[in-house]
Amino acid sequence: MFIKLLSTLFLFSSLSFAYQDSDIDGVEDKDDKCPNSSFEEVVDEKGCAPSQHYLGALTLIVGSDISVDKQSHTTSNFNFFANYRYNNWDISLSNANNAASTSSNNISTDYGDIYLSTGYYLENTKFIAKLSLGTKLATANEDTNTGLKYGNAYEDTDTGENDLFTSLYLNYRITQRQNLYLDYRYTISGDSQDMSYKDFITYSIGSGYALTPKWYSAFSYDYSGSPYPNTQPYKAISWFNSYTLTKHLFAIINYAHGLNDISPNHTVSVKLGVHFE
């Protein structure tokens, strides 16, 4: 009897973690676009009642990165990320070469320019795919030494030209708590009158686990090529953490350890985000 009781409690707790429906409308919270629908009203497949209108989802993230290179030089950068999603489409604006998902890591040292992209999602209960197209609008001062120390001089990471890029984000849910993801980007570098820059790829591959309903943690390998000839790519391993503070507020802490001379030895990112849907 005691063993049966424990088994029942374990099964109930597992189901409670896997399926949550806060407003009791028959639509799981992760799929519910109108999470505060009235109990008396009939909702559609998005969880929205006739009296409600789905306005989409808005995510805003601000924070700072602090990097320490092999020669103990310290660099800090302020960065922001804004994303608006309506059904399967979204649009993003950022000042850093961020990955496509807010649960991914910064895998480039480019800061100061503006990145604008739009994407389309395909998803089911197990799989998410997102294809994006975007551009880098060169607004940073090309003459400022914001790059990483390479050899005996600082190498600018900004080409000072507009770029075009396409990216593919894949996310596979192994279990209700664990996922695998790949974020791949191909950048077509804009050329200047004085120099032809290389096209390059950027990717992050990793796996994450929901330690609690509020705490998600992931490890990844991050790679970013360089538009400059004869320059090493950025390589690092990262430990990413996202924690839900309130219904709309969340915090992100990421640590990256560089794997070669061009990559910072240590990079710590601390960010605060809000999400409205």
Protein backbone atom coordinates (compact mmCIF):
# COMPACT_ATOMS: atom_id res chain seq x y z
CA MET A 1 0.00 0.00 0.00
CA PHE A 2 2.81 2.39 0.93
CA ILE A 3 4.65 1.68 -2.34
CA LYS A 4 1.47 2.28 -4.35
CA LEU A 5 0.92 5.59 -2.56
CA LEU A 6 4.49 6.74 -3.31
CA SER A 7 4.11 5.71 -6.95
CA THR A 8 0.87 7.66 -7.24
CA LEU A 9 2.42 10.78 -5.68
CA PHE A 10 5.46 10.56 -7.98
CA LEU A 11 3.27 10.18 -11.06
CA PHE A 12 1.09 13.12 -9.99
CA SER A 13 4.11 15.37 -9.37
CA SER A 14 5.60 14.44 -12.76
CA LEU A 15 2.36 15.22 -14.54
CA SER A 16 2.03 18.48 -12.62
CA PHE A 17 5.46 19.59 -13.83
CA ALA A 18 4.83 18.46 -17.40
CA TYR A 19 1.32 19.93 -17.78
CA GLN A 20 0.21 23.26 -16.33
CA ASP A 21 -3.02 25.11 -17.09
CA SER A 22 -3.19 28.09 -14.74
CA ASP A 23 -6.49 29.54 -15.98
CA ILE A 24 -8.14 26.10 -16.37
CA ASP A 25 -9.27 26.66 -19.96
CA GLY A 26 -8.00 23.36 -21.39
CA VAL A 27 -4.96 24.92 -23.10
CA GLU A 28 -1.53 24.23 -21.60
CA ASP A 29 0.28 27.32 -20.26
CA LYS A 30 3.18 27.01 -22.73
CA ASP A 31 0.69 27.18 -25.64
CA ASP A 32 -1.78 29.61 -24.06
CA LYS A 33 -1.66 33.00 -25.81
CA CYS A 34 -4.29 34.49 -23.48
CA PRO A 35 -3.30 33.16 -20.03
CA ASN A 36 -5.99 35.10 -18.10
CA SER A 37 -9.14 33.99 -19.93
CA SER A 38 -12.35 33.83 -17.93
CA PHE A 39 -13.42 30.42 -16.60
CA GLU A 40 -16.94 30.92 -17.97
CA GLU A 41 -15.92 31.59 -21.58
CA VAL A 42 -15.11 29.07 -24.33
CA VAL A 43 -11.62 29.57 -25.74
CA ASP A 44 -10.02 28.79 -29.12
CA GLU A 45 -6.92 26.67 -29.76
CA LYS A 46 -4.73 29.59 -28.63
CA GLY A 47 -6.53 29.81 -25.29
CA CYS A 48 -8.26 33.10 -26.20
CA ALA A 49 -11.92 33.81 -25.48
CA PRO A 50 -14.12 35.82 -27.93
CA SER A 51 -13.76 38.86 -25.67
CA GLN A 52 -9.96 38.71 -25.90
CA HIS A 53 -7.63 39.65 -28.73
CA TYR A 54 -4.17 38.15 -29.07
CA LEU A 55 -1.67 41.01 -29.34
CA GLY A 56 1.45 38.90 -29.71
CA ALA A 57 4.47 38.54 -27.42
CA LEU A 58 7.04 41.22 -26.59
CA THR A 59 10.44 40.42 -25.02
CA LEU A 60 12.96 43.06 -23.92
CA ILE A 61 16.42 42.22 -22.50
CA VAL A 62 19.16 44.56 -21.28
CA GLY A 63 22.45 43.72 -19.62
CA SER A 64 26.22 43.84 -19.65
CA ASP A 65 29.11 41.59 -20.64
CA ILE A 66 32.49 41.68 -18.92
CA SER A 67 35.39 39.92 -20.68
CA VAL A 68 38.94 39.19 -19.52
CA ASP A 69 41.47 38.11 -22.17
CA LYS A 70 44.65 36.07 -21.88
CA GLN A 71 46.68 39.21 -21.06
CA SER A 72 44.24 40.19 -18.26
CA HIS A 73 42.75 43.08 -20.25
CA THR A 74 39.15 43.76 -19.26
CA THR A 75 36.39 44.84 -21.67
CA SER A 76 32.78 45.61 -20.77
CA ASN A 77 29.83 46.13 -23.10
CA PHE A 78 26.22 47.17 -22.62
CA ASN A 79 23.78 45.30 -24.84
CA PHE A 80 20.08 45.15 -25.53
CA PHE A 81 17.71 42.79 -27.32
CA ALA A 82 14.09 43.40 -28.36
CA ASN A 83 11.78 40.84 -29.97
CA TYR A 84 8.13 40.97 -31.00
CA ARG A 85 6.36 37.76 -32.05
CA TYR A 86 2.90 37.38 -33.54
CA ASN A 87 1.83 33.80 -34.18
CA ASN A 88 4.60 32.25 -36.35
CA TRP A 89 6.38 35.51 -37.29
CA ASP A 90 8.77 37.64 -35.29
CA ILE A 91 11.09 40.63 -35.61
CA SER A 92 14.23 41.29 -33.53
CA LEU A 93 16.42 44.32 -32.87
CA SER A 94 19.77 44.12 -31.08
CA ASN A 95 23.14 45.85 -30.72
CA ALA A 96 25.06 42.55 -30.53
CA ASN A 97 25.42 39.55 -32.80
CA ASN A 98 23.05 37.50 -30.67
CA ALA A 99 21.75 34.05 -31.36
CA ALA A 100 18.16 33.71 -32.51
CA SER A 101 16.71 32.64 -29.17
CA THR A 102 16.69 34.43 -25.84
CA SER A 103 17.83 31.15 -24.35
CA SER A 104 20.99 31.14 -26.42
CA ASN A 105 24.33 32.82 -25.85
CA ASN A 106 26.13 35.78 -27.36
CA ILE A 107 28.62 34.07 -29.65
CA SER A 108 30.30 37.06 -31.21
CA THR A 109 32.28 40.02 -29.89
CA ASP A 110 30.61 42.50 -32.28
CA TYR A 111 29.03 45.39 -30.35
CA GLY A 112 27.87 48.86 -31.27
CA ASP A 113 26.19 48.07 -34.59
CA ILE A 114 22.47 47.45 -35.00
CA TYR A 115 21.17 44.01 -35.99
CA LEU A 116 17.67 43.76 -37.46
CA SER A 117 16.08 40.44 -38.44
CA THR A 118 12.75 38.78 -39.08
CA GLY A 119 11.96 35.08 -38.72
CA TYR A 120 9.33 32.40 -39.19
CA TYR A 121 8.64 29.49 -36.79
CA LEU A 122 7.64 25.91 -37.53
CA GLU A 123 6.87 23.92 -34.39
CA ASN A 124 5.07 21.01 -32.82
CA THR A 125 5.12 19.39 -29.39
CA LYS A 126 8.68 18.07 -29.85
CA PHE A 127 10.41 20.29 -32.40
CA ILE A 128 10.94 24.00 -33.08
CA ALA A 129 12.58 25.40 -36.20
CA LYS A 130 13.07 29.07 -37.00
CA LEU A 131 14.45 30.55 -40.22
CA SER A 132 15.55 34.20 -40.11
CA LEU A 133 16.85 36.82 -42.50
CA GLY A 134 18.54 39.98 -41.31
CA THR A 135 21.03 42.76 -41.75
CA LYS A 136 23.73 44.46 -39.73
CA LEU A 137 23.53 48.25 -39.92
CA ALA A 138 27.05 49.57 -39.32
CA THR A 139 26.77 52.34 -36.73
CA ALA A 140 29.85 51.66 -34.58
CA ASN A 141 32.99 53.74 -34.90
CA GLU A 142 35.38 51.58 -36.92
CA ASP A 143 38.40 53.41 -35.52
CA THR A 144 37.67 52.59 -31.90
CA ASN A 145 39.53 49.61 -30.44
CA THR A 146 36.58 47.64 -29.17
CA GLY A 147 37.96 44.30 -30.29
CA LEU A 148 40.06 41.67 -28.62
CA LYS A 149 43.81 41.89 -28.16
CA TYR A 150 45.44 39.71 -30.82
CA GLY A 151 49.23 39.56 -30.93
CA ASN A 152 50.56 43.00 -30.05
CA ALA A 153 47.66 45.11 -31.30
CA TYR A 154 43.95 45.30 -30.86
CA GLU A 155 41.99 43.87 -33.75
CA ASP A 156 38.75 45.71 -34.56
CA THR A 157 35.87 43.24 -34.68
CA ASP A 158 33.68 45.70 -36.61
CA THR A 159 34.06 45.83 -40.41
CA GLY A 160 32.39 49.24 -40.57
CA GLU A 161 30.16 47.98 -43.40
CA ASN A 162 26.60 46.69 -43.63
CA ASP A 163 26.21 42.89 -43.67
CA LEU A 164 23.45 40.47 -44.61
CA PHE A 165 22.83 37.20 -42.76
CA THR A 166 20.54 34.22 -42.61
CA SER A 167 20.14 31.97 -39.58
CA LEU A 168 18.54 28.66 -38.68
CA TYR A 169 17.51 27.79 -35.12
CA LEU A 170 16.59 24.18 -34.26
CA ASN A 171 15.29 23.03 -30.88
CA TYR A 172 14.40 19.42 -30.10
CA ARG A 173 12.65 18.52 -26.84
CA ILE A 174 14.09 15.22 -25.58
CA THR A 175 11.84 15.19 -22.52
CA GLN A 176 9.58 17.73 -20.82
CA ARG A 177 12.70 19.08 -19.07
CA GLN A 178 15.60 18.56 -21.50
CA ASN A 179 16.28 19.91 -24.98
CA LEU A 180 18.95 19.95 -27.68
CA TYR A 181 19.49 23.05 -29.81
CA LEU A 182 21.52 24.34 -32.74
CA ASP A 183 21.77 27.99 -33.75
CA TYR A 184 23.52 28.49 -37.12
CA ARG A 185 24.17 31.76 -38.94
CA TYR A 186 25.80 32.58 -42.28
CA THR A 187 26.94 36.18 -42.75
CA ILE A 188 27.63 37.85 -46.09
CA SER A 189 30.11 40.58 -45.21
CA GLY A 190 29.82 43.96 -46.86
CA ASP A 191 32.99 45.14 -48.63
CA SER A 192 34.53 48.59 -48.35
CA GLN A 193 36.51 50.50 -50.99
CA ASP A 194 39.74 49.52 -49.26
CA MET A 195 39.14 45.91 -48.29
CA SER A 196 37.17 42.79 -49.17
CA TYR A 197 35.90 41.02 -46.04
CA LYS A 198 35.28 37.29 -45.79
CA ASP A 199 31.87 35.73 -45.39
CA PHE A 200 31.75 33.69 -42.20
CA ILE A 201 29.63 31.31 -40.14
CA THR A 202 28.54 31.47 -36.51
CA TYR A 203 26.96 28.65 -34.56
CA SER A 204 26.13 27.42 -31.09
CA ILE A 205 25.25 23.81 -30.27
CA GLY A 206 24.20 22.66 -26.83
CA SER A 207 21.76 21.02 -24.47
CA GLY A 208 19.64 22.45 -21.67
CA TYR A 209 17.70 21.14 -18.71
CA ALA A 210 14.89 22.67 -16.62
CA LEU A 211 16.19 22.11 -13.10
CA THR A 212 12.97 23.58 -11.69
CA PRO A 213 9.87 25.13 -13.30
CA LYS A 214 11.66 28.51 -12.94
CA TRP A 215 15.33 27.64 -13.56
CA TYR A 216 16.66 26.58 -16.98
CA SER A 217 20.37 25.77 -17.43
CA ALA A 218 22.33 24.84 -20.59
CA PHE A 219 25.86 24.04 -21.77
CA SER A 220 27.01 24.79 -25.31
CA TYR A 221 29.96 25.01 -27.68
CA ASP A 222 30.10 28.39 -29.44
CA TYR A 223 31.95 29.27 -32.64
CA SER A 224 32.16 32.49 -34.66
CA GLY A 225 34.32 33.03 -37.72
CA SER A 226 36.01 36.32 -38.53
CA PRO A 227 35.55 38.58 -41.58
CA TYR A 228 39.29 39.34 -41.45
CA PRO A 229 41.78 37.18 -43.39
CA ASN A 230 44.26 35.14 -41.33
CA THR A 231 42.38 35.74 -38.07
CA GLN A 232 41.41 32.95 -35.70
CA PRO A 233 37.71 32.25 -35.08
CA TYR A 234 36.07 32.75 -31.70
CA LYS A 235 35.70 29.44 -29.82
CA ALA A 236 34.26 28.96 -26.34
CA ILE A 237 32.23 26.72 -24.08
CA SER A 238 29.34 28.38 -22.27
CA TRP A 239 27.16 27.79 -19.24
CA PHE A 240 23.81 29.57 -19.63
CA ASN A 241 21.20 30.10 -16.90
CA SER A 242 17.76 31.69 -17.05
CA TYR A 243 15.60 32.17 -13.96
CA THR A 244 11.98 33.36 -13.83
CA LEU A 245 11.58 36.01 -11.13
CA THR A 246 7.92 36.96 -11.62
CA LYS A 247 5.21 36.37 -14.19
CA HIS A 248 6.84 38.85 -16.58
CA LEU A 249 10.38 39.31 -15.24
CA PHE A 250 13.37 36.98 -15.71
CA ALA A 251 17.15 37.07 -15.22
CA ILE A 252 19.95 35.61 -17.36
CA ILE A 253 23.50 34.77 -16.26
CA ASN A 254 25.97 33.30 -18.74
CA TYR A 255 29.62 32.31 -18.37
CA ALA A 256 31.88 31.58 -21.37
CA HIS A 257 35.43 30.23 -21.35
CA GLY A 258 37.54 30.91 -24.44
CA LEU A 259 39.32 27.99 -26.09
CA ASN A 260 41.94 29.81 -28.16
CA ASP A 261 44.13 32.94 -28.08
CA ILE A 262 41.68 35.26 -29.86
CA SER A 263 38.80 34.41 -27.50
CA PRO A 264 38.48 36.05 -24.07
CA ASN A 265 39.60 33.75 -21.30
CA HIS A 266 36.49 34.55 -19.25
CA THR A 267 33.24 36.31 -20.17
CA VAL A 268 30.39 36.88 -17.74
CA SER A 269 27.02 38.19 -18.94
CA VAL A 270 24.30 39.44 -16.59
CA LYS A 271 20.95 40.46 -18.07
CA LEU A 272 17.42 41.31 -17.01
CA GLY A 273 14.42 40.69 -19.24
CA VAL A 274 10.67 41.27 -19.38
CA HIS A 275 8.16 39.25 -21.37
CA PHE A 276 4.56 40.21 -22.11
CA GLU A 277 2.05 38.06 -23.98
